[in-house]
Structures are given as structure tokens and as C-alpha cells.
Protein backbone atom coordinates (compact mmCIF):
# COMPACT_ATOMS: atom_id res chain seq x y z
CA MET A 1 7.34 15.08 -1.49
CA LEU A 2 10.41 16.05 0.25
CA LYS A 3 13.15 17.63 -1.91
CA THR A 4 16.89 17.13 -1.21
CA GLN A 5 19.48 18.34 -3.66
CA ASP A 6 17.93 17.53 -7.03
CA SER A 7 16.19 14.30 -5.80
CA ALA A 8 13.03 13.61 -3.83
CA TYR A 9 11.49 11.24 -1.37
CA ASN A 10 7.70 10.29 -2.19
CA ILE A 11 5.61 9.09 0.59
CA ARG A 12 1.91 7.55 -0.10
CA PRO A 13 -0.51 5.70 2.04
CA ASP A 14 -0.90 2.03 1.32
CA ASP A 15 -3.69 1.74 3.72
CA ASP A 16 -4.76 2.77 7.24
CA GLU A 17 -1.65 1.03 8.79
CA PHE A 18 1.20 1.37 6.32
CA VAL A 19 2.83 3.79 4.13
CA VAL A 20 5.17 3.42 1.11
CA VAL A 21 8.15 5.75 0.96
CA THR A 22 10.05 5.91 -2.21
CA GLU A 23 13.69 6.94 -1.87
CA PRO A 24 15.79 9.07 -4.57
CA SER A 25 17.46 5.91 -5.69
CA GLY A 26 13.98 4.19 -6.38
CA LYS A 27 13.95 1.91 -3.37
CA GLU A 28 10.70 1.43 -1.88
CA TRP A 29 9.93 0.80 1.85
CA ARG A 30 6.59 -0.19 3.14
CA ILE A 31 6.36 0.85 6.83
CA HIS A 32 3.92 -0.22 9.35
CA ARG A 33 2.52 2.69 11.70
CA GLU A 34 4.05 0.94 14.76
CA ASP A 35 7.52 0.94 13.12
CA ALA A 36 7.73 4.52 12.00
CA ASP A 37 10.23 6.19 14.38
CA PRO A 38 11.12 9.83 14.22
CA GLU A 39 14.85 9.06 15.52
CA HIS A 40 15.43 5.96 13.25
CA ARG A 41 18.63 6.00 11.23
CA PHE A 42 16.78 5.82 7.97
CA VAL A 43 15.19 8.94 6.66
CA SER A 44 12.33 6.65 5.18
CA TYR A 45 11.25 5.63 8.70
CA ARG A 46 11.46 9.41 9.98
CA LEU A 47 9.22 10.57 7.17
CA ALA A 48 6.60 7.67 7.89
CA ALA A 49 6.61 8.89 11.69
CA GLY A 50 5.66 12.30 10.48
CA TRP A 51 2.90 10.79 8.08
CA PHE A 52 1.54 9.13 11.25
CA GLY A 53 2.03 11.93 13.62
CA ASN A 54 4.46 9.90 15.71
CA LEU A 55 6.72 13.06 16.41
CA PRO A 56 8.91 13.49 19.38
CA ALA A 57 7.35 15.43 22.17
CA LYS A 58 9.02 18.62 21.58
CA TYR A 59 6.83 18.63 18.21
CA ALA A 60 3.68 17.61 19.92
CA VAL A 61 0.59 19.88 19.36
CA ASP A 62 -2.02 20.46 22.00
């Protein structure tokens, strides 16, 4: 869980290709692996990118 100022994002797997991200407001996003983007304007999509390992090159691990 990512905690931000008395609130938290929750991320959990839905199957091999999807994750469900719950925002502090309670809104749920079901995000496909190919839609996860580390530079997306919504935090939920950025968290999904981290979950799937779709991180920018500067964070890549050899």
C-alpha cells in the first residue's frame, strides 16, 4: 500500500494481465498490463506500471 497524507492507494492482482488499484476516494481502476504507464497523469496508472515492472529506463535493473 502506498500511503499519502492519511490516505492510501491499494493495489492487488486481478489475473496475470490486470491489476486493480483502489484510490483513497474508493474509486477502483482495473488496469491492463499494456495500459500501465509510468508517466501517466493518473497515479493509479503509474502504480500499475511499477507493479508490472514497466518503469522508465533510468529505473531499469540489469
